[in-house]
Amino acid sequence: MIEYKLVSPGAGKVLIAEPFLGDDNFKRSVVLITAYEAEGVVGFILNRPSDFTVDDLMPEFANDYGFAPRVYLGGPVQPDTLHFVHKLGNKIDDSMQIGPNLWWGGNAGQLADLIRKNYVDESEIRFFMGYSGWAMGQLEMEIEEKAWIVANGVESLLFDAESDNEFWRKTVMRLGGNYRQLANYPEDVHWN
């Protein structure tokens, strides 16, 4: 039997879409939860790379050292906003810690300065356009309806996402046991 709530949802946890989730915004997605509060839930889709690099969208984040990480589509809410999750900790004021070595946001001016000085490696940060959001109670209902598997985030995997389905599949496989069969479900039941 598949358990859809391995851990309680919270900051630093991941939501793994069940194989046949019908919402195109979240089809085979893995979402990092960055805020889980009374006002609602905020997270970022980890496996939806865009065609943009951060310097395409924010010239102040360009440097002379080739820093040009890909920007990911964080979700359908406010797609014209830019967000970042990083491993830089106290190097950026106003960052919110969401895991043992994981922070969300912070002072963008400070970040731009660190990037210009080549103090930030692309492996330490992930940029997102837009975010995923749920009203309080909405996510819990979706979990009860088995739309999401809630699991612990794996920091090494969070900064490794590239392609949509392969990252989703790897994440499901890491859960082991009965979850492995989910990872091999076809995208369309008619392909079976």
N, C-alpha and C. Protein backbone atom coordinates (compact mmCIF):
# COMPACT_ATOMS: atom_id res chain seq x y z
N MET A 1 0.84 -1.19 0.00
CA MET A 1 0.00 0.00 0.00
C MET A 1 0.88 1.25 0.00
N ILE A 2 0.48 2.23 -0.74
CA ILE A 2 1.24 3.48 -0.85
C ILE A 2 0.76 4.45 0.23
N GLU A 3 1.69 4.96 1.02
CA GLU A 3 1.39 5.96 2.04
C GLU A 3 1.69 7.33 1.44
N TYR A 4 0.67 8.20 1.39
CA TYR A 4 0.85 9.50 0.74
C TYR A 4 1.36 10.57 1.68
N LYS A 5 1.34 10.31 2.96
CA LYS A 5 1.82 11.32 3.91
C LYS A 5 2.92 10.70 4.74
N LEU A 6 4.13 10.67 4.19
CA LEU A 6 5.27 10.09 4.89
C LEU A 6 5.66 10.95 6.09
N VAL A 7 5.53 12.25 5.93
CA VAL A 7 5.80 13.22 6.99
C VAL A 7 4.73 14.30 6.89
N SER A 8 4.61 15.09 7.93
CA SER A 8 3.66 16.21 7.87
C SER A 8 4.23 17.29 6.98
N PRO A 9 3.38 17.97 6.21
CA PRO A 9 3.89 19.06 5.36
C PRO A 9 4.47 20.18 6.22
N GLY A 10 5.50 20.81 5.72
CA GLY A 10 6.13 21.93 6.42
C GLY A 10 7.27 22.47 5.58
N ALA A 11 7.84 23.57 6.02
CA ALA A 11 8.97 24.17 5.29
C ALA A 11 10.10 23.16 5.19
N GLY A 12 10.69 23.06 4.01
CA GLY A 12 11.79 22.13 3.77
C GLY A 12 11.34 20.75 3.30
N LYS A 13 10.06 20.48 3.35
CA LYS A 13 9.52 19.20 2.86
C LYS A 13 9.21 19.33 1.38
N VAL A 14 9.01 18.20 0.70
CA VAL A 14 8.65 18.24 -0.71
C VAL A 14 7.30 17.58 -0.93
N LEU A 15 6.62 18.09 -1.93
CA LEU A 15 5.37 17.49 -2.41
C LEU A 15 5.70 16.83 -3.74
N ILE A 16 5.36 15.57 -3.86
CA ILE A 16 5.61 14.83 -5.09
C ILE A 16 4.25 14.52 -5.71
N ALA A 17 4.02 15.02 -6.91
CA ALA A 17 2.73 14.82 -7.57
C ALA A 17 2.51 13.34 -7.85
N GLU A 18 1.27 12.87 -7.61
CA GLU A 18 0.97 11.48 -7.96
C GLU A 18 1.00 11.38 -9.49
N PRO A 19 1.23 10.19 -10.04
CA PRO A 19 1.51 10.06 -11.47
C PRO A 19 0.44 10.62 -12.41
N PHE A 20 -0.82 10.63 -12.00
CA PHE A 20 -1.87 11.03 -12.92
C PHE A 20 -2.55 12.33 -12.51
N LEU A 21 -1.85 13.16 -11.74
CA LEU A 21 -2.41 14.46 -11.36
C LEU A 21 -2.77 15.22 -12.62
N GLY A 22 -4.04 15.63 -12.73
CA GLY A 22 -4.54 16.20 -13.97
C GLY A 22 -4.20 17.66 -14.22
N ASP A 23 -3.76 18.38 -13.21
CA ASP A 23 -3.44 19.80 -13.36
C ASP A 23 -2.12 19.96 -14.11
N ASP A 24 -2.16 20.54 -15.30
CA ASP A 24 -0.95 20.69 -16.11
C ASP A 24 0.15 21.50 -15.41
N ASN A 25 -0.24 22.41 -14.51
CA ASN A 25 0.76 23.19 -13.77
C ASN A 25 1.63 22.29 -12.90
N PHE A 26 1.06 21.18 -12.43
CA PHE A 26 1.76 20.34 -11.46
C PHE A 26 1.99 18.91 -11.91
N LYS A 27 1.73 18.63 -13.17
CA LYS A 27 1.89 17.27 -13.68
C LYS A 27 3.32 16.78 -13.45
N ARG A 28 3.46 15.68 -12.74
CA ARG A 28 4.75 15.06 -12.42
C ARG A 28 5.75 16.07 -11.87
N SER A 29 5.28 16.90 -10.99
CA SER A 29 6.15 17.92 -10.40
C SER A 29 6.63 17.50 -9.02
N VAL A 30 7.71 18.12 -8.60
CA VAL A 30 8.23 18.02 -7.24
C VAL A 30 8.30 19.45 -6.74
N VAL A 31 7.60 19.73 -5.64
CA VAL A 31 7.49 21.09 -5.12
C VAL A 31 8.18 21.17 -3.76
N LEU A 32 9.10 22.10 -3.61
CA LEU A 32 9.73 22.37 -2.32
C LEU A 32 8.85 23.35 -1.56
N ILE A 33 8.42 22.98 -0.36
CA ILE A 33 7.64 23.89 0.49
C ILE A 33 8.61 24.82 1.21
N THR A 34 8.38 26.13 1.07
CA THR A 34 9.25 27.10 1.74
C THR A 34 8.55 27.81 2.89
N ALA A 35 7.23 27.83 2.89
CA ALA A 35 6.47 28.43 4.00
C ALA A 35 5.20 27.61 4.21
N TYR A 36 4.93 27.30 5.46
CA TYR A 36 3.73 26.56 5.83
C TYR A 36 3.20 27.25 7.08
N GLU A 37 2.28 28.19 6.86
CA GLU A 37 1.83 29.06 7.95
C GLU A 37 0.32 29.17 7.94
N ALA A 38 -0.23 29.85 8.93
CA ALA A 38 -1.68 30.02 9.05
C ALA A 38 -2.27 30.71 7.82
N GLU A 39 -1.49 31.59 7.20
CA GLU A 39 -1.98 32.32 6.02
C GLU A 39 -2.00 31.45 4.77
N GLY A 40 -1.24 30.38 4.77
CA GLY A 40 -1.20 29.50 3.61
C GLY A 40 0.16 28.86 3.41
N VAL A 41 0.32 28.27 2.25
CA VAL A 41 1.52 27.50 1.92
C VAL A 41 2.15 28.08 0.66
N VAL A 42 3.48 28.21 0.67
CA VAL A 42 4.23 28.68 -0.49
C VAL A 42 5.28 27.63 -0.82
N GLY A 43 5.46 27.37 -2.10
CA GLY A 43 6.48 26.43 -2.53
C GLY A 43 6.91 26.73 -3.96
N PHE A 44 7.91 25.99 -4.42
CA PHE A 44 8.46 26.18 -5.76
C PHE A 44 8.63 24.84 -6.45
N ILE A 45 8.17 24.77 -7.70
CA ILE A 45 8.34 23.56 -8.50
C ILE A 45 9.81 23.45 -8.86
N LEU A 46 10.42 22.33 -8.52
CA LEU A 46 11.85 22.15 -8.72
C LEU A 46 12.23 21.66 -10.11
N ASN A 47 11.28 21.10 -10.84
CA ASN A 47 11.64 20.43 -12.09
C ASN A 47 10.93 21.00 -13.32
N ARG A 48 10.86 22.34 -13.39
CA ARG A 48 10.31 23.00 -14.57
C ARG A 48 11.28 24.09 -15.04
N PRO A 49 12.37 23.70 -15.71
CA PRO A 49 13.31 24.72 -16.18
C PRO A 49 12.68 25.61 -17.24
N SER A 50 13.00 26.89 -17.19
CA SER A 50 12.52 27.82 -18.21
C SER A 50 13.60 27.95 -19.28
N ASP A 51 13.35 28.80 -20.24
CA ASP A 51 14.34 29.07 -21.28
C ASP A 51 15.26 30.23 -20.90
N PHE A 52 15.09 30.77 -19.69
CA PHE A 52 15.83 31.95 -19.26
C PHE A 52 16.94 31.60 -18.28
N THR A 53 18.00 32.41 -18.31
CA THR A 53 18.99 32.38 -17.24
C THR A 53 18.75 33.64 -16.40
N VAL A 54 19.28 33.65 -15.20
CA VAL A 54 18.98 34.75 -14.29
C VAL A 54 19.44 36.09 -14.84
N ASP A 55 20.54 36.12 -15.57
CA ASP A 55 21.01 37.40 -16.11
C ASP A 55 20.14 37.90 -17.26
N ASP A 56 19.34 37.02 -17.88
CA ASP A 56 18.35 37.46 -18.87
C ASP A 56 17.28 38.32 -18.21
N LEU A 57 16.92 37.95 -16.99
CA LEU A 57 15.82 38.62 -16.29
C LEU A 57 16.30 39.72 -15.34
N MET A 58 17.47 39.55 -14.77
CA MET A 58 17.99 40.49 -13.79
C MET A 58 19.45 40.81 -14.14
N PRO A 59 19.67 41.81 -14.98
CA PRO A 59 21.05 42.14 -15.39
C PRO A 59 21.98 42.41 -14.20
N GLU A 60 21.43 42.87 -13.08
CA GLU A 60 22.28 43.14 -11.92
C GLU A 60 22.85 41.86 -11.31
N PHE A 61 22.34 40.69 -11.73
CA PHE A 61 22.88 39.41 -11.26
C PHE A 61 23.92 38.83 -12.22
N ALA A 62 24.32 39.59 -13.22
CA ALA A 62 25.36 39.14 -14.14
C ALA A 62 26.73 39.43 -13.53
N ASN A 63 27.72 38.63 -13.90
CA ASN A 63 29.09 38.92 -13.49
C ASN A 63 30.03 38.57 -14.63
N ASP A 64 31.30 38.82 -14.43
CA ASP A 64 32.30 38.57 -15.47
C ASP A 64 32.85 37.15 -15.42
N TYR A 65 32.26 36.29 -14.60
CA TYR A 65 32.79 34.94 -14.38
C TYR A 65 31.89 33.85 -14.95
N GLY A 66 30.89 34.25 -15.73
CA GLY A 66 30.03 33.26 -16.37
C GLY A 66 28.87 32.77 -15.53
N PHE A 67 28.55 33.47 -14.45
CA PHE A 67 27.43 33.08 -13.59
C PHE A 67 26.13 33.31 -14.36
N ALA A 68 25.46 32.25 -14.73
CA ALA A 68 24.21 32.37 -15.49
C ALA A 68 23.33 31.14 -15.26
N PRO A 69 22.91 30.91 -13.99
CA PRO A 69 22.08 29.73 -13.74
C PRO A 69 20.70 29.85 -14.40
N ARG A 70 20.17 28.72 -14.77
CA ARG A 70 18.84 28.65 -15.36
C ARG A 70 17.81 29.08 -14.32
N VAL A 71 16.75 29.73 -14.79
CA VAL A 71 15.62 30.10 -13.94
C VAL A 71 14.55 29.04 -14.14
N TYR A 72 13.92 28.62 -13.06
CA TYR A 72 12.87 27.59 -13.10
C TYR A 72 11.51 28.24 -12.94
N LEU A 73 10.49 27.57 -13.45
CA LEU A 73 9.11 28.03 -13.29
C LEU A 73 8.62 27.52 -11.95
N GLY A 74 8.55 28.41 -10.98
CA GLY A 74 8.22 28.02 -9.61
C GLY A 74 6.76 27.67 -9.39
N GLY A 75 5.90 28.16 -10.25
CA GLY A 75 4.48 27.86 -10.12
C GLY A 75 3.65 28.91 -10.82
N PRO A 76 2.33 28.72 -10.80
CA PRO A 76 1.45 29.59 -11.57
C PRO A 76 1.10 30.92 -10.91
N VAL A 77 1.50 31.12 -9.65
CA VAL A 77 1.14 32.35 -8.95
C VAL A 77 2.22 33.41 -9.19
N GLN A 78 1.79 34.61 -9.56
CA GLN A 78 2.68 35.74 -9.82
C GLN A 78 3.92 35.35 -10.63
N PRO A 79 3.71 34.88 -11.87
CA PRO A 79 4.85 34.42 -12.68
C PRO A 79 5.82 35.53 -13.07
N ASP A 80 5.47 36.78 -12.79
CA ASP A 80 6.37 37.89 -13.11
C ASP A 80 7.28 38.26 -11.94
N THR A 81 7.31 37.44 -10.89
CA THR A 81 8.18 37.69 -9.74
C THR A 81 9.34 36.70 -9.75
N LEU A 82 10.47 37.11 -9.18
CA LEU A 82 11.65 36.25 -9.12
C LEU A 82 11.94 35.92 -7.66
N HIS A 83 12.20 34.65 -7.38
CA HIS A 83 12.48 34.17 -6.02
C HIS A 83 13.74 33.31 -6.07
N PHE A 84 14.34 33.07 -4.91
CA PHE A 84 15.51 32.20 -4.89
C PHE A 84 15.58 31.40 -3.60
N VAL A 85 16.08 30.18 -3.76
CA VAL A 85 16.36 29.26 -2.65
C VAL A 85 17.86 29.01 -2.73
N HIS A 86 18.53 28.98 -1.57
CA HIS A 86 19.99 28.92 -1.61
C HIS A 86 20.58 28.20 -0.41
N LYS A 87 21.89 28.00 -0.48
CA LYS A 87 22.68 27.38 0.59
C LYS A 87 23.61 28.41 1.24
N LEU A 88 23.36 29.69 1.03
CA LEU A 88 24.29 30.73 1.44
C LEU A 88 24.10 31.20 2.88
N GLY A 89 23.00 30.82 3.49
CA GLY A 89 22.77 31.11 4.90
C GLY A 89 22.93 32.55 5.30
N ASN A 90 23.77 32.78 6.29
CA ASN A 90 23.94 34.10 6.88
C ASN A 90 24.67 35.09 5.98
N LYS A 91 25.12 34.66 4.81
CA LYS A 91 25.77 35.59 3.89
C LYS A 91 24.77 36.57 3.29
N ILE A 92 23.47 36.24 3.37
CA ILE A 92 22.43 37.10 2.82
C ILE A 92 21.43 37.43 3.93
N ASP A 93 21.36 38.71 4.29
CA ASP A 93 20.42 39.14 5.33
C ASP A 93 18.99 38.84 4.92
N ASP A 94 18.15 38.66 5.91
CA ASP A 94 16.70 38.45 5.74
C ASP A 94 16.35 37.13 5.08
N SER A 95 17.29 36.20 4.98
CA SER A 95 16.98 34.87 4.46
C SER A 95 16.20 34.09 5.52
N MET A 96 15.28 33.26 5.08
CA MET A 96 14.51 32.41 5.99
C MET A 96 15.03 30.98 5.88
N GLN A 97 15.50 30.42 7.00
CA GLN A 97 15.99 29.05 6.96
C GLN A 97 14.81 28.10 6.85
N ILE A 98 14.88 27.18 5.88
CA ILE A 98 13.78 26.22 5.67
C ILE A 98 14.26 24.78 5.80
N GLY A 99 15.53 24.59 6.06
CA GLY A 99 16.10 23.26 6.23
C GLY A 99 17.48 23.38 6.84
N PRO A 100 18.13 22.25 7.15
CA PRO A 100 19.44 22.29 7.79
C PRO A 100 20.47 23.14 7.04
N ASN A 101 20.47 23.11 5.74
CA ASN A 101 21.43 23.90 4.95
C ASN A 101 20.71 24.53 3.77
N LEU A 102 19.52 25.09 4.05
CA LEU A 102 18.68 25.59 2.97
C LEU A 102 17.92 26.83 3.43
N TRP A 103 18.00 27.90 2.61
CA TRP A 103 17.34 29.16 2.93
C TRP A 103 16.52 29.62 1.74
N TRP A 104 15.56 30.48 2.04
CA TRP A 104 14.69 31.05 1.01
C TRP A 104 14.79 32.56 1.08
N GLY A 105 15.02 33.18 -0.09
CA GLY A 105 14.98 34.63 -0.20
C GLY A 105 16.11 35.33 0.51
N GLY A 106 15.89 36.60 0.76
CA GLY A 106 16.88 37.43 1.41
C GLY A 106 17.08 38.73 0.64
N ASN A 107 18.06 39.48 1.06
CA ASN A 107 18.34 40.79 0.50
C ASN A 107 18.92 40.64 -0.92
N ALA A 108 18.14 41.04 -1.92
CA ALA A 108 18.54 40.88 -3.32
C ALA A 108 19.76 41.74 -3.67
N GLY A 109 19.88 42.91 -3.06
CA GLY A 109 21.05 43.76 -3.30
C GLY A 109 22.33 43.10 -2.82
N GLN A 110 22.26 42.50 -1.65
CA GLN A 110 23.41 41.77 -1.12
C GLN A 110 23.77 40.59 -2.02
N LEU A 111 22.74 39.88 -2.47
CA LEU A 111 22.97 38.75 -3.36
C LEU A 111 23.65 39.22 -4.65
N ALA A 112 23.16 40.30 -5.24
CA ALA A 112 23.76 40.83 -6.47
C ALA A 112 25.23 41.16 -6.25
N ASP A 113 25.55 41.75 -5.10
CA ASP A 113 26.94 42.10 -4.78
C ASP A 113 27.81 40.85 -4.67
N LEU A 114 27.30 39.81 -3.99
CA LEU A 114 28.04 38.55 -3.86
C LEU A 114 28.27 37.90 -5.23
N ILE A 115 27.27 37.97 -6.09
CA ILE A 115 27.39 37.39 -7.43
C ILE A 115 28.45 38.15 -8.24
N ARG A 116 28.39 39.48 -8.21
CA ARG A 116 29.38 40.29 -8.96
C ARG A 116 30.81 39.99 -8.51
N LYS A 117 30.98 39.71 -7.22
CA LYS A 117 32.31 39.42 -6.68
C LYS A 117 32.69 37.94 -6.84
N ASN A 118 31.83 37.17 -7.48
CA ASN A 118 32.05 35.74 -7.73
C ASN A 118 32.10 34.91 -6.44
N TYR A 119 31.30 35.30 -5.44
CA TYR A 119 31.23 34.56 -4.18
C TYR A 119 30.07 33.57 -4.16
N VAL A 120 29.34 33.46 -5.26
CA VAL A 120 28.20 32.54 -5.32
C VAL A 120 28.41 31.58 -6.48
N ASP A 121 28.33 30.30 -6.17
CA ASP A 121 28.43 29.28 -7.20
C ASP A 121 27.02 28.87 -7.63
N GLU A 122 26.86 28.53 -8.90
CA GLU A 122 25.54 28.15 -9.40
C GLU A 122 24.96 26.96 -8.65
N SER A 123 25.81 26.12 -8.07
CA SER A 123 25.33 24.95 -7.33
C SER A 123 24.77 25.32 -5.95
N GLU A 124 24.88 26.58 -5.56
CA GLU A 124 24.41 27.02 -4.25
C GLU A 124 23.08 27.75 -4.28
N ILE A 125 22.52 27.94 -5.47
CA ILE A 125 21.32 28.77 -5.56
C ILE A 125 20.43 28.30 -6.70
N ARG A 126 19.13 28.49 -6.52
CA ARG A 126 18.15 28.15 -7.56
C ARG A 126 17.17 29.32 -7.64
N PHE A 127 16.95 29.82 -8.85
CA PHE A 127 16.04 30.94 -9.09
C PHE A 127 14.72 30.42 -9.68
N PHE A 128 13.62 31.10 -9.30
CA PHE A 128 12.29 30.71 -9.75
C PHE A 128 11.48 31.92 -10.20
N MET A 129 10.77 31.76 -11.30
CA MET A 129 9.77 32.76 -11.71
C MET A 129 8.44 32.26 -11.17
N GLY A 130 7.77 33.10 -10.38
CA GLY A 130 6.49 32.72 -9.82
C GLY A 130 6.65 31.69 -8.71
N TYR A 131 5.51 31.33 -8.12
CA TYR A 131 5.53 30.35 -7.04
C TYR A 131 4.24 29.55 -7.05
N SER A 132 4.22 28.53 -6.23
CA SER A 132 3.03 27.70 -6.03
C SER A 132 2.45 28.08 -4.68
N GLY A 133 1.16 28.27 -4.61
CA GLY A 133 0.54 28.68 -3.36
C GLY A 133 -0.77 27.97 -3.10
N TRP A 134 -1.04 27.75 -1.83
CA TRP A 134 -2.28 27.12 -1.39
C TRP A 134 -2.82 27.88 -0.19
N ALA A 135 -4.12 28.04 -0.13
CA ALA A 135 -4.75 28.57 1.07
C ALA A 135 -4.66 27.49 2.14
N MET A 136 -4.63 27.90 3.41
CA MET A 136 -4.56 26.91 4.48
C MET A 136 -5.77 25.99 4.37
N GLY A 137 -5.53 24.73 4.46
CA GLY A 137 -6.59 23.73 4.32
C GLY A 137 -6.67 23.17 2.91
N GLN A 138 -6.33 23.98 1.92
CA GLN A 138 -6.40 23.53 0.53
C GLN A 138 -5.39 22.41 0.26
N LEU A 139 -4.15 22.61 0.69
CA LEU A 139 -3.13 21.59 0.46
C LEU A 139 -3.47 20.31 1.21
N GLU A 140 -3.92 20.44 2.46
CA GLU A 140 -4.29 19.26 3.24
C GLU A 140 -5.38 18.45 2.54
N MET A 141 -6.34 19.16 1.94
CA MET A 141 -7.41 18.48 1.22
C MET A 141 -6.83 17.74 0.01
N GLU A 142 -5.91 18.37 -0.72
CA GLU A 142 -5.30 17.73 -1.87
C GLU A 142 -4.48 16.50 -1.46
N ILE A 143 -3.83 16.57 -0.29
CA ILE A 143 -3.07 15.42 0.22
C ILE A 143 -4.03 14.29 0.57
N GLU A 144 -5.14 14.63 1.24
CA GLU A 144 -6.16 13.62 1.57
C GLU A 144 -6.72 12.96 0.32
N GLU A 145 -6.84 13.74 -0.76
CA GLU A 145 -7.36 13.21 -2.03
C GLU A 145 -6.27 12.47 -2.81
N LYS A 146 -5.10 12.32 -2.20
CA LYS A 146 -3.97 11.59 -2.79
C LYS A 146 -3.42 12.22 -4.07
N ALA A 147 -3.46 13.54 -4.12
CA ALA A 147 -2.84 14.25 -5.24
C ALA A 147 -1.33 14.40 -5.03
N TRP A 148 -0.89 14.37 -3.76
CA TRP A 148 0.51 14.61 -3.42
C TRP A 148 1.02 13.57 -2.44
N ILE A 149 2.29 13.22 -2.58
CA ILE A 149 3.02 12.48 -1.56
C ILE A 149 3.87 13.52 -0.84
N VAL A 150 3.84 13.53 0.48
CA VAL A 150 4.65 14.48 1.26
C VAL A 150 5.86 13.72 1.78
N ALA A 151 7.06 14.24 1.52
CA ALA A 151 8.29 13.56 1.92
C ALA A 151 9.31 14.58 2.40
N ASN A 152 10.34 14.08 3.05
CA ASN A 152 11.45 14.94 3.45
C ASN A 152 12.20 15.40 2.21
N GLY A 153 12.65 16.64 2.24
CA GLY A 153 13.47 17.15 1.15
C GLY A 153 14.87 16.57 1.26
N VAL A 154 15.50 16.34 0.16
CA VAL A 154 16.88 15.85 0.13
C VAL A 154 17.70 16.95 -0.53
N GLU A 155 18.46 17.66 0.28
CA GLU A 155 19.17 18.85 -0.20
C GLU A 155 20.00 18.57 -1.45
N SER A 156 20.70 17.45 -1.47
CA SER A 156 21.55 17.16 -2.63
C SER A 156 20.72 17.01 -3.89
N LEU A 157 19.50 16.53 -3.76
CA LEU A 157 18.63 16.34 -4.91
C LEU A 157 17.98 17.66 -5.34
N LEU A 158 17.74 18.56 -4.38
CA LEU A 158 17.03 19.80 -4.68
C LEU A 158 17.75 20.66 -5.71
N PHE A 159 19.06 20.64 -5.70
CA PHE A 159 19.82 21.47 -6.62
C PHE A 159 20.27 20.68 -7.85
N ASP A 160 19.71 19.50 -8.02
CA ASP A 160 20.09 18.61 -9.10
C ASP A 160 19.02 18.48 -10.18
N ALA A 161 17.88 19.12 -9.99
CA ALA A 161 16.75 18.95 -10.93
C ALA A 161 17.06 19.57 -12.27
N GLU A 162 16.79 18.86 -13.31
CA GLU A 162 16.93 19.40 -14.65
C GLU A 162 15.66 19.17 -15.44
N SER A 163 15.40 17.93 -15.81
CA SER A 163 14.26 17.66 -16.68
C SER A 163 13.02 17.32 -15.87
N ASP A 164 11.88 17.61 -16.44
CA ASP A 164 10.59 17.39 -15.78
C ASP A 164 10.44 15.99 -15.23
N ASN A 165 10.29 15.04 -16.12
CA ASN A 165 9.90 13.70 -15.70
C ASN A 165 11.02 12.90 -15.07
N GLU A 166 12.24 13.07 -15.52
CA GLU A 166 13.33 12.28 -14.95
C GLU A 166 13.56 12.65 -13.49
N PHE A 167 13.51 13.92 -13.16
CA PHE A 167 13.68 14.33 -11.77
C PHE A 167 12.53 13.81 -10.91
N TRP A 168 11.31 13.90 -11.42
CA TRP A 168 10.15 13.37 -10.70
C TRP A 168 10.36 11.87 -10.44
N ARG A 169 10.75 11.15 -11.48
CA ARG A 169 10.94 9.71 -11.38
C ARG A 169 12.04 9.37 -10.36
N LYS A 170 13.18 10.07 -10.42
CA LYS A 170 14.27 9.83 -9.47
C LYS A 170 13.82 10.08 -8.04
N THR A 171 13.04 11.14 -7.85
CA THR A 171 12.56 11.49 -6.51
C THR A 171 11.64 10.40 -5.98
N VAL A 172 10.74 9.91 -6.81
CA VAL A 172 9.84 8.82 -6.40
C VAL A 172 10.65 7.56 -6.11
N MET A 173 11.61 7.24 -6.95
CA MET A 173 12.43 6.04 -6.75
C MET A 173 13.18 6.08 -5.42
N ARG A 174 13.63 7.26 -5.02
CA ARG A 174 14.36 7.40 -3.75
C ARG A 174 13.51 7.05 -2.55
N LEU A 175 12.19 7.09 -2.70
CA LEU A 175 11.30 6.71 -1.61
C LEU A 175 11.33 5.21 -1.35
N GLY A 176 11.75 4.43 -2.36
CA GLY A 176 11.90 2.99 -2.21
C GLY A 176 10.58 2.24 -2.14
N GLY A 177 10.67 0.98 -1.81
CA GLY A 177 9.50 0.12 -1.60
C GLY A 177 8.47 0.20 -2.70
N ASN A 178 7.21 0.29 -2.30
CA ASN A 178 6.09 0.31 -3.24
C ASN A 178 6.08 1.55 -4.13
N TYR A 179 6.81 2.57 -3.73
CA TYR A 179 6.82 3.80 -4.52
C TYR A 179 7.49 3.59 -5.88
N ARG A 180 8.39 2.62 -5.95
CA ARG A 180 9.09 2.36 -7.21
C ARG A 180 8.12 2.06 -8.34
N GLN A 181 7.01 1.39 -8.02
CA GLN A 181 6.04 1.10 -9.08
C GLN A 181 5.38 2.38 -9.59
N LEU A 182 5.18 3.37 -8.72
CA LEU A 182 4.62 4.65 -9.16
C LEU A 182 5.54 5.32 -10.18
N ALA A 183 6.84 5.22 -9.93
CA ALA A 183 7.82 5.88 -10.79
C ALA A 183 7.77 5.37 -12.22
N ASN A 184 7.30 4.16 -12.39
CA ASN A 184 7.28 3.56 -13.73
C ASN A 184 5.92 3.62 -14.40
N TYR A 185 4.94 4.26 -13.77
CA TYR A 185 3.63 4.41 -14.41
C TYR A 185 3.79 5.27 -15.66
N PRO A 186 3.11 4.91 -16.74
CA PRO A 186 3.17 5.77 -17.93
C PRO A 186 2.48 7.10 -17.67
N GLU A 187 2.84 8.12 -18.42
CA GLU A 187 2.20 9.43 -18.26
C GLU A 187 0.72 9.37 -18.59
N ASP A 188 0.37 8.52 -19.50
CA ASP A 188 -1.02 8.39 -19.93
C ASP A 188 -1.42 6.93 -19.72
N VAL A 189 -2.52 6.69 -18.99
CA VAL A 189 -2.94 5.32 -18.71
C VAL A 189 -3.25 4.55 -19.99
N HIS A 190 -3.54 5.24 -21.06
CA HIS A 190 -3.83 4.59 -22.34
C HIS A 190 -2.58 3.99 -22.97
N TRP A 191 -1.40 4.38 -22.49
CA TRP A 191 -0.15 3.83 -23.01
C TRP A 191 0.12 2.46 -22.43
N ASN A 192 -0.60 2.09 -21.41
CA ASN A 192 -0.37 0.84 -20.69
C ASN A 192 -0.83 -0.37 -21.48
